Amino acid sequence: MHINFFTEQVPDATTLLKFRHLLEKEKIGEKLFEDVKDQLDHAGLIMLGGTVVDATLISAPSPTKNEDGKRDPEMPSNQSGFLA
């Protein structure tokens, strides 16, 4: 069922408020929410667990430079150096 607002009158505020109170009284909103949640869960679209990761970029000194700000010969400058 749908309402075509081009051919039908838009419900007034009182009608919408009565409808809202009916939804609340009969707990229809909760039932609809549970039904949608069940359908999403059945389709495998609900994540039940996970991890939140902060991906904030921060400024940091280069780990390849020593206290004098010069390149430290003992620190590798690319990833392949870390694998050695």
PDB file of N, CA and C in Angstrom:
ATOM      1  N   MET A   1       0.838  -1.176   0.000  1.00  0.00           N
ATOM      2  CA  MET A   1       0.000   0.000   0.000  1.00  0.00           C
ATOM      3  C   MET A   1       0.882   1.239   0.000  1.00  0.00           C
ATOM      4  N   HIS A   2       0.475   2.260  -0.725  1.00  0.00           N
ATOM      5  CA  HIS A   2       1.209   3.511  -0.757  1.00  0.00           C
ATOM      6  C   HIS A   2       0.232   4.666  -0.917  1.00  0.00           C
ATOM      7  N   ILE A   3       0.721   5.854  -0.645  1.00  0.00           N
ATOM      8  CA  ILE A   3      -0.084   7.058  -0.811  1.00  0.00           C
ATOM      9  C   ILE A   3       0.533   7.871  -1.932  1.00  0.00           C
ATOM     10  N   ASN A   4      -0.263   8.187  -2.934  1.00  0.00           N
ATOM     11  CA  ASN A   4       0.186   9.033  -4.037  1.00  0.00           C
ATOM     12  C   ASN A   4      -0.219  10.464  -3.705  1.00  0.00           C
ATOM     13  N   PHE A   5       0.731  11.297  -3.329  1.00  0.00           N
ATOM     14  CA  PHE A   5       0.425  12.659  -2.908  1.00  0.00           C
ATOM     15  C   PHE A   5       0.062  13.574  -4.077  1.00  0.00           C
ATOM     16  N   PHE A   6       0.189  13.083  -5.312  1.00  0.00           N
ATOM     17  CA  PHE A   6      -0.262  13.869  -6.459  1.00  0.00           C
ATOM     18  C   PHE A   6      -1.772  13.765  -6.630  1.00  0.00           C
ATOM     19  N   THR A   7      -2.352  12.640  -6.187  1.00  0.00           N
ATOM     20  CA  THR A   7      -3.796  12.443  -6.360  1.00  0.00           C
ATOM     21  C   THR A   7      -4.557  12.426  -5.040  1.00  0.00           C
ATOM     22  N   GLU A   8      -3.866  12.309  -3.922  1.00  0.00           N
ATOM     23  CA  GLU A   8      -4.532  12.237  -2.621  1.00  0.00           C
ATOM     24  C   GLU A   8      -4.048  13.365  -1.719  1.00  0.00           C
ATOM     25  N   GLN A   9      -4.880  13.742  -0.778  1.00  0.00           N
ATOM     26  CA  GLN A   9      -4.538  14.824   0.144  1.00  0.00           C
ATOM     27  C   GLN A   9      -3.515  14.334   1.173  1.00  0.00           C
ATOM     28  N   VAL A  10      -2.576  15.201   1.503  1.00  0.00           N
ATOM     29  CA  VAL A  10      -1.558  14.896   2.506  1.00  0.00           C
ATOM     30  C   VAL A  10      -2.226  14.875   3.880  1.00  0.00           C
ATOM     31  N   PRO A  11      -1.944  13.847   4.716  1.00  0.00           N
ATOM     32  CA  PRO A  11      -2.540  13.806   6.060  1.00  0.00           C
ATOM     33  C   PRO A  11      -2.131  15.031   6.872  1.00  0.00           C
ATOM     34  N   ASP A  12      -3.072  15.555   7.667  1.00  0.00           N
ATOM     35  CA  ASP A  12      -2.763  16.710   8.496  1.00  0.00           C
ATOM     36  C   ASP A  12      -2.032  16.268   9.767  1.00  0.00           C
ATOM     37  N   ALA A  13      -1.590  17.232  10.550  1.00  0.00           N
ATOM     38  CA  ALA A  13      -0.787  16.949  11.747  1.00  0.00           C
ATOM     39  C   ALA A  13      -1.555  16.092  12.753  1.00  0.00           C
ATOM     40  N   THR A  14      -2.865  16.335  12.906  1.00  0.00           N
ATOM     41  CA  THR A  14      -3.664  15.560  13.867  1.00  0.00           C
ATOM     42  C   THR A  14      -3.731  14.096  13.462  1.00  0.00           C
ATOM     43  N   THR A  15      -3.907  13.836  12.182  1.00  0.00           N
ATOM     44  CA  THR A  15      -3.955  12.458  11.693  1.00  0.00           C
ATOM     45  C   THR A  15      -2.620  11.755  11.927  1.00  0.00           C
ATOM     46  N   LEU A  16      -1.532  12.455  11.622  1.00  0.00           N
ATOM     47  CA  LEU A  16      -0.203  11.863  11.835  1.00  0.00           C
ATOM     48  C   LEU A  16       0.054  11.603  13.320  1.00  0.00           C
ATOM     49  N   LEU A  17      -0.397  12.518  14.192  1.00  0.00           N
ATOM     50  CA  LEU A  17      -0.204  12.334  15.629  1.00  0.00           C
ATOM     51  C   LEU A  17      -1.008  11.140  16.140  1.00  0.00           C
ATOM     52  N   LYS A  18      -2.249  10.993  15.659  1.00  0.00           N
ATOM     53  CA  LYS A  18      -3.066   9.834  16.052  1.00  0.00           C
ATOM     54  C   LYS A  18      -2.413   8.535  15.591  1.00  0.00           C
ATOM     55  N   PHE A  19      -1.867   8.550  14.381  1.00  0.00           N
ATOM     56  CA  PHE A  19      -1.181   7.360  13.861  1.00  0.00           C
ATOM     57  C   PHE A  19       0.041   7.041  14.723  1.00  0.00           C
ATOM     58  N   ARG A  20       0.799   8.076  15.082  1.00  0.00           N
ATOM     59  CA  ARG A  20       1.974   7.875  15.933  1.00  0.00           C
ATOM     60  C   ARG A  20       1.576   7.276  17.283  1.00  0.00           C
ATOM     61  N   HIS A  21       0.503   7.801  17.873  1.00  0.00           N
ATOM     62  CA  HIS A  21       0.049   7.271  19.163  1.00  0.00           C
ATOM     63  C   HIS A  21      -0.409   5.822  19.035  1.00  0.00           C
ATOM     64  N   LEU A  22      -1.050   5.474  17.909  1.00  0.00           N
ATOM     65  CA  LEU A  22      -1.443   4.081  17.668  1.00  0.00           C
ATOM     66  C   LEU A  22      -0.210   3.177  17.578  1.00  0.00           C
ATOM     67  N   LEU A  23       0.807   3.643  16.865  1.00  0.00           N
ATOM     68  CA  LEU A  23       2.053   2.868  16.764  1.00  0.00           C
ATOM     69  C   LEU A  23       2.662   2.637  18.139  1.00  0.00           C
ATOM     70  N   GLU A  24       2.674   3.673  18.965  1.00  0.00           N
ATOM     71  CA  GLU A  24       3.248   3.565  20.304  1.00  0.00           C
ATOM     72  C   GLU A  24       2.418   2.655  21.201  1.00  0.00           C
ATOM     73  N   LYS A  25       1.095   2.821  21.163  1.00  0.00           N
ATOM     74  CA  LYS A  25       0.206   2.033  22.022  1.00  0.00           C
ATOM     75  C   LYS A  25       0.304   0.543  21.723  1.00  0.00           C
ATOM     76  N   GLU A  26       0.317   0.202  20.452  1.00  0.00           N
ATOM     77  CA  GLU A  26       0.341  -1.210  20.044  1.00  0.00           C
ATOM     78  C   GLU A  26       1.753  -1.750  19.892  1.00  0.00           C
ATOM     79  N   LYS A  27       2.757  -0.903  20.164  1.00  0.00           N
ATOM     80  CA  LYS A  27       4.173  -1.274  20.037  1.00  0.00           C
ATOM     81  C   LYS A  27       4.500  -1.777  18.629  1.00  0.00           C
ATOM     82  N   ILE A  28       3.850  -1.157  17.642  1.00  0.00           N
ATOM     83  CA  ILE A  28       4.043  -1.558  16.244  1.00  0.00           C
ATOM     84  C   ILE A  28       5.434  -1.166  15.756  1.00  0.00           C
ATOM     85  N   GLY A  29       5.935  -0.008  16.214  1.00  0.00           N
ATOM     86  CA  GLY A  29       7.274   0.418  15.808  1.00  0.00           C
ATOM     87  C   GLY A  29       8.333  -0.602  16.207  1.00  0.00           C
ATOM     88  N   GLU A  30       8.237  -1.109  17.450  1.00  0.00           N
ATOM     89  CA  GLU A  30       9.194  -2.111  17.920  1.00  0.00           C
ATOM     90  C   GLU A  30       9.074  -3.400  17.102  1.00  0.00           C
ATOM     91  N   LYS A  31       7.828  -3.783  16.779  1.00  0.00           N
ATOM     92  CA  LYS A  31       7.613  -5.002  15.990  1.00  0.00           C
ATOM     93  C   LYS A  31       8.192  -4.855  14.588  1.00  0.00           C
ATOM     94  N   LEU A  32       7.988  -3.674  13.969  1.00  0.00           N
ATOM     95  CA  LEU A  32       8.556  -3.432  12.637  1.00  0.00           C
ATOM     96  C   LEU A  32      10.080  -3.460  12.691  1.00  0.00           C
ATOM     97  N   PHE A  33      10.637  -2.804  13.720  1.00  0.00           N
ATOM     98  CA  PHE A  33      12.089  -2.772  13.862  1.00  0.00           C
ATOM     99  C   PHE A  33      12.650  -4.188  14.016  1.00  0.00           C
ATOM    100  N   GLU A  34      12.021  -4.998  14.848  1.00  0.00           N
ATOM    101  CA  GLU A  34      12.475  -6.380  15.041  1.00  0.00           C
ATOM    102  C   GLU A  34      12.380  -7.178  13.744  1.00  0.00           C
ATOM    103  N   ASP A  35      11.300  -6.969  12.986  1.00  0.00           N
ATOM    104  CA  ASP A  35      11.130  -7.688  11.721  1.00  0.00           C
ATOM    105  C   ASP A  35      12.225  -7.303  10.723  1.00  0.00           C
ATOM    106  N   VAL A  36      12.493  -6.010  10.616  1.00  0.00           N
ATOM    107  CA  VAL A  36      13.548  -5.563   9.703  1.00  0.00           C
ATOM    108  C   VAL A  36      14.901  -6.107  10.157  1.00  0.00           C
ATOM    109  N   LYS A  37      15.163  -6.056  11.472  1.00  0.00           N
ATOM    110  CA  LYS A  37      16.424  -6.584  12.014  1.00  0.00           C
ATOM    111  C   LYS A  37      16.568  -8.071  11.700  1.00  0.00           C
ATOM    112  N   ASP A  38      15.475  -8.834  11.875  1.00  0.00           N
ATOM    113  CA  ASP A  38      15.513 -10.269  11.575  1.00  0.00           C
ATOM    114  C   ASP A  38      15.797 -10.525  10.100  1.00  0.00           C
ATOM    115  N   GLN A  39      15.179  -9.719   9.229  1.00  0.00           N
ATOM    116  CA  GLN A  39      15.412  -9.890   7.791  1.00  0.00           C
ATOM    117  C   GLN A  39      16.858  -9.564   7.427  1.00  0.00           C
ATOM    118  N   LEU A  40      17.407  -8.485   8.001  1.00  0.00           N
ATOM    119  CA  LEU A  40      18.805  -8.139   7.739  1.00  0.00           C
ATOM    120  C   LEU A  40      19.747  -9.203   8.283  1.00  0.00           C
ATOM    121  N   ASP A  41      19.429  -9.736   9.459  1.00  0.00           N
ATOM    122  CA  ASP A  41      20.249 -10.789  10.059  1.00  0.00           C
ATOM    123  C   ASP A  41      20.209 -12.047   9.196  1.00  0.00           C
ATOM    124  N   HIS A  42      19.024 -12.408   8.725  1.00  0.00           N
ATOM    125  CA  HIS A  42      18.869 -13.600   7.875  1.00  0.00           C
ATOM    126  C   HIS A  42      19.661 -13.448   6.569  1.00  0.00           C
ATOM    127  N   ALA A  43      19.733 -12.211   6.069  1.00  0.00           N
ATOM    128  CA  ALA A  43      20.470 -11.945   4.834  1.00  0.00           C
ATOM    129  C   ALA A  43      21.970 -11.793   5.081  1.00  0.00           C
ATOM    130  N   GLY A  44      22.398 -11.871   6.350  1.00  0.00           N
ATOM    131  CA  GLY A  44      23.816 -11.744   6.681  1.00  0.00           C
ATOM    132  C   GLY A  44      24.320 -10.315   6.609  1.00  0.00           C
ATOM    133  N   LEU A  45      23.442  -9.336   6.813  1.00  0.00           N
ATOM    134  CA  LEU A  45      23.834  -7.941   6.684  1.00  0.00           C
ATOM    135  C   LEU A  45      24.008  -7.226   8.017  1.00  0.00           C
ATOM    136  N   ILE A  46      23.923  -7.953   9.132  1.00  0.00           N
ATOM    137  CA  ILE A  46      24.103  -7.337  10.443  1.00  0.00           C
ATOM    138  C   ILE A  46      25.431  -7.812  11.030  1.00  0.00           C
ATOM    139  N   MET A  47      26.245  -6.849  11.466  1.00  0.00           N
ATOM    140  CA  MET A  47      27.511  -7.188  12.091  1.00  0.00           C
ATOM    141  C   MET A  47      27.267  -7.316  13.592  1.00  0.00           C
ATOM    142  N   LEU A  48      27.572  -8.465  14.143  1.00  0.00           N
ATOM    143  CA  LEU A  48      27.318  -8.716  15.557  1.00  0.00           C
ATOM    144  C   LEU A  48      28.514  -8.393  16.441  1.00  0.00           C
ATOM    145  N   GLY A  49      29.663  -8.187  15.853  1.00  0.00           N
ATOM    146  CA  GLY A  49      30.854  -7.867  16.629  1.00  0.00           C
ATOM    147  C   GLY A  49      31.874  -7.207  15.739  1.00  0.00           C
ATOM    148  N   GLY A  50      32.872  -6.616  16.326  1.00  0.00           N
ATOM    149  CA  GLY A  50      33.888  -5.968  15.518  1.00  0.00           C
ATOM    150  C   GLY A  50      34.788  -5.117  16.378  1.00  0.00           C
ATOM    151  N   THR A  51      35.640  -4.379  15.720  1.00  0.00           N
ATOM    152  CA  THR A  51      36.598  -3.528  16.402  1.00  0.00           C
ATOM    153  C   THR A  51      36.556  -2.147  15.782  1.00  0.00           C
ATOM    154  N   VAL A  52      36.563  -1.140  16.618  1.00  0.00           N
ATOM    155  CA  VAL A  52      36.642   0.235  16.143  1.00  0.00           C
ATOM    156  C   VAL A  52      38.104   0.633  16.166  1.00  0.00           C
ATOM    157  N   VAL A  53      38.577   1.184  15.051  1.00  0.00           N
ATOM    158  CA  VAL A  53      39.972   1.588  14.942  1.00  0.00           C
ATOM    159  C   VAL A  53      40.020   3.079  14.689  1.00  0.00           C
ATOM    160  N   ASP A  54      40.837   3.795  15.465  1.00  0.00           N
ATOM    161  CA  ASP A  54      41.033   5.224  15.256  1.00  0.00           C
ATOM    162  C   ASP A  54      42.102   5.395  14.194  1.00  0.00           C
ATOM    163  N   ALA A  55      41.738   5.949  13.060  1.00  0.00           N
ATOM    164  CA  ALA A  55      42.680   6.112  11.954  1.00  0.00           C
ATOM    165  C   ALA A  55      43.149   7.561  11.838  1.00  0.00           C
ATOM    166  N   THR A  56      43.265   8.253  12.954  1.00  0.00           N
ATOM    167  CA  THR A  56      43.704   9.643  12.945  1.00  0.00           C
ATOM    168  C   THR A  56      45.174   9.714  12.563  1.00  0.00           C
ATOM    169  N   LEU A  57      45.487  10.575  11.612  1.00  0.00           N
ATOM    170  CA  LEU A  57      46.879  10.765  11.201  1.00  0.00           C
ATOM    171  C   LEU A  57      47.524  11.787  12.128  1.00  0.00           C
ATOM    172  N   ILE A  58      48.713  11.476  12.593  1.00  0.00           N
ATOM    173  CA  ILE A  58      49.438  12.390  13.471  1.00  0.00           C
ATOM    174  C   ILE A  58      50.830  12.630  12.910  1.00  0.00           C
ATOM    175  N   SER A  59      51.381  13.764  13.231  1.00  0.00           N
ATOM    176  CA  SER A  59      52.738  14.077  12.806  1.00  0.00           C
ATOM    177  C   SER A  59      53.710  13.380  13.750  1.00  0.00           C
ATOM    178  N   ALA A  60      54.697  12.723  13.178  1.00  0.00           N
ATOM    179  CA  ALA A  60      55.690  12.017  14.000  1.00  0.00           C
ATOM    180  C   ALA A  60      57.062  12.175  13.357  1.00  0.00           C
ATOM    181  N   PRO A  61      58.102  12.231  14.165  1.00  0.00           N
ATOM    182  CA  PRO A  61      59.449  12.343  13.591  1.00  0.00           C
ATOM    183  C   PRO A  61      59.822  11.069  12.847  1.00  0.00           C
ATOM    184  N   SER A  62      60.700  11.221  11.874  1.00  0.00           N
ATOM    185  CA  SER A  62      61.158  10.072  11.111  1.00  0.00           C
ATOM    186  C   SER A  62      61.934   9.118  12.011  1.00  0.00           C
ATOM    187  N   PRO A  63      61.607   7.839  12.000  1.00  0.00           N
ATOM    188  CA  PRO A  63      62.333   6.894  12.852  1.00  0.00           C
ATOM    189  C   PRO A  63      63.722   6.569  12.319  1.00  0.00           C
ATOM    190  N   THR A  64      64.036   7.043  11.099  1.00  0.00           N
ATOM    191  CA  THR A  64      65.341   6.714  10.522  1.00  0.00           C
ATOM    192  C   THR A  64      66.388   7.778  10.829  1.00  0.00           C
ATOM    193  N   LYS A  65      65.999   8.848  11.574  1.00  0.00           N
ATOM    194  CA  LYS A  65      66.970   9.903  11.881  1.00  0.00           C
ATOM    195  C   LYS A  65      67.375   9.829  13.353  1.00  0.00           C
ATOM    196  N   ASN A  66      68.613  10.164  13.607  1.00  0.00           N
ATOM    197  CA  ASN A  66      69.123  10.120  14.979  1.00  0.00           C
ATOM    198  C   ASN A  66      68.847  11.442  15.699  1.00  0.00           C
ATOM    199  N   GLU A  67      69.393  11.610  16.899  1.00  0.00           N
ATOM    200  CA  GLU A  67      69.136  12.803  17.715  1.00  0.00           C
ATOM    201  C   GLU A  67      69.589  14.085  17.029  1.00  0.00           C
ATOM    202  N   ASP A  68      70.603  14.014  16.166  1.00  0.00           N
ATOM    203  CA  ASP A  68      71.112  15.196  15.467  1.00  0.00           C
ATOM    204  C   ASP A  68      70.270  15.532  14.236  1.00  0.00           C
ATOM    205  N   GLY A  69      69.252  14.742  13.944  1.00  0.00           N
ATOM    206  CA  GLY A  69      68.419  14.975  12.768  1.00  0.00           C
ATOM    207  C   GLY A  69      69.020  14.419  11.497  1.00  0.00           C
ATOM    208  N   LYS A  70      70.095  13.642  11.649  1.00  0.00           N
ATOM    209  CA  LYS A  70      70.749  13.046  10.477  1.00  0.00           C
ATOM    210  C   LYS A  70      70.319  11.595  10.351  1.00  0.00           C
ATOM    211  N   ARG A  71      70.470  11.081   9.138  1.00  0.00           N
ATOM    212  CA  ARG A  71      70.075   9.698   8.883  1.00  0.00           C
ATOM    213  C   ARG A  71      70.914   8.747   9.721  1.00  0.00           C
ATOM    214  N   ASP A  72      70.247   7.861  10.443  1.00  0.00           N
ATOM    215  CA  ASP A  72      70.913   6.870  11.285  1.00  0.00           C
ATOM    216  C   ASP A  72      71.292   5.688  10.395  1.00  0.00           C
ATOM    217  N   PRO A  73      72.566   5.395  10.239  1.00  0.00           N
ATOM    218  CA  PRO A  73      72.988   4.317   9.335  1.00  0.00           C
ATOM    219  C   PRO A  73      72.501   2.931   9.779  1.00  0.00           C
ATOM    220  N   GLU A  74      72.119   2.789  11.041  1.00  0.00           N
ATOM    221  CA  GLU A  74      71.654   1.484  11.516  1.00  0.00           C
ATOM    222  C   GLU A  74      70.157   1.281  11.301  1.00  0.00           C
ATOM    223  N   MET A  75      69.428   2.337  10.873  1.00  0.00           N
ATOM    224  CA  MET A  75      67.991   2.226  10.665  1.00  0.00           C
ATOM    225  C   MET A  75      67.718   2.052   9.171  1.00  0.00           C
ATOM    226  N   PRO A  76      66.958   1.060   8.786  1.00  0.00           N
ATOM    227  CA  PRO A  76      66.619   0.871   7.382  1.00  0.00           C
ATOM    228  C   PRO A  76      65.660   1.985   6.924  1.00  0.00           C
ATOM    229  N   SER A  77      65.748   2.357   5.638  1.00  0.00           N
ATOM    230  CA  SER A  77      64.920   3.437   5.140  1.00  0.00           C
ATOM    231  C   SER A  77      63.738   2.963   4.299  1.00  0.00           C
ATOM    232  N   ASN A  78      63.624   1.670   4.124  1.00  0.00           N
ATOM    233  CA  ASN A  78      62.451   1.155   3.403  1.00  0.00           C
ATOM    234  C   ASN A  78      62.003  -0.152   4.028  1.00  0.00           C
ATOM    235  N   GLN A  79      60.865  -0.648   3.611  1.00  0.00           N
ATOM    236  CA  GLN A  79      60.279  -1.841   4.235  1.00  0.00           C
ATOM    237  C   GLN A  79      61.164  -3.059   4.039  1.00  0.00           C
ATOM    238  N   SER A  80      61.857  -3.140   2.905  1.00  0.00           N
ATOM    239  CA  SER A  80      62.686  -4.330   2.684  1.00  0.00           C
ATOM    240  C   SER A  80      63.785  -4.421   3.735  1.00  0.00           C
ATOM    241  N   GLY A  81      64.253  -3.286   4.264  1.00  0.00           N
ATOM    242  CA  GLY A  81      65.256  -3.301   5.328  1.00  0.00           C
ATOM    243  C   GLY A  81      64.718  -3.899   6.615  1.00  0.00           C
ATOM    244  N   PHE A  82      63.385  -3.763   6.868  1.00  0.00           N
ATOM    245  CA  PHE A  82      62.786  -4.308   8.065  1.00  0.00           C
ATOM    246  C   PHE A  82      62.675  -5.821   8.003  1.00  0.00           C
ATOM    247  N   LEU A  83      62.646  -6.352   6.789  1.00  0.00           N
ATOM    248  CA  LEU A  83      62.471  -7.796   6.613  1.00  0.00           C
ATOM    249  C   LEU A  83      63.781  -8.559   6.724  1.00  0.00           C
ATOM    250  N   ALA A  84      64.889  -7.838   6.712  1.00  0.00           N
ATOM    251  CA  ALA A  84      66.191  -8.505   6.730  1.00  0.00           C
ATOM    252  C   ALA A  84      66.486  -9.100   8.079  1.00  0.00           C
TER     253      ALA A  84
END
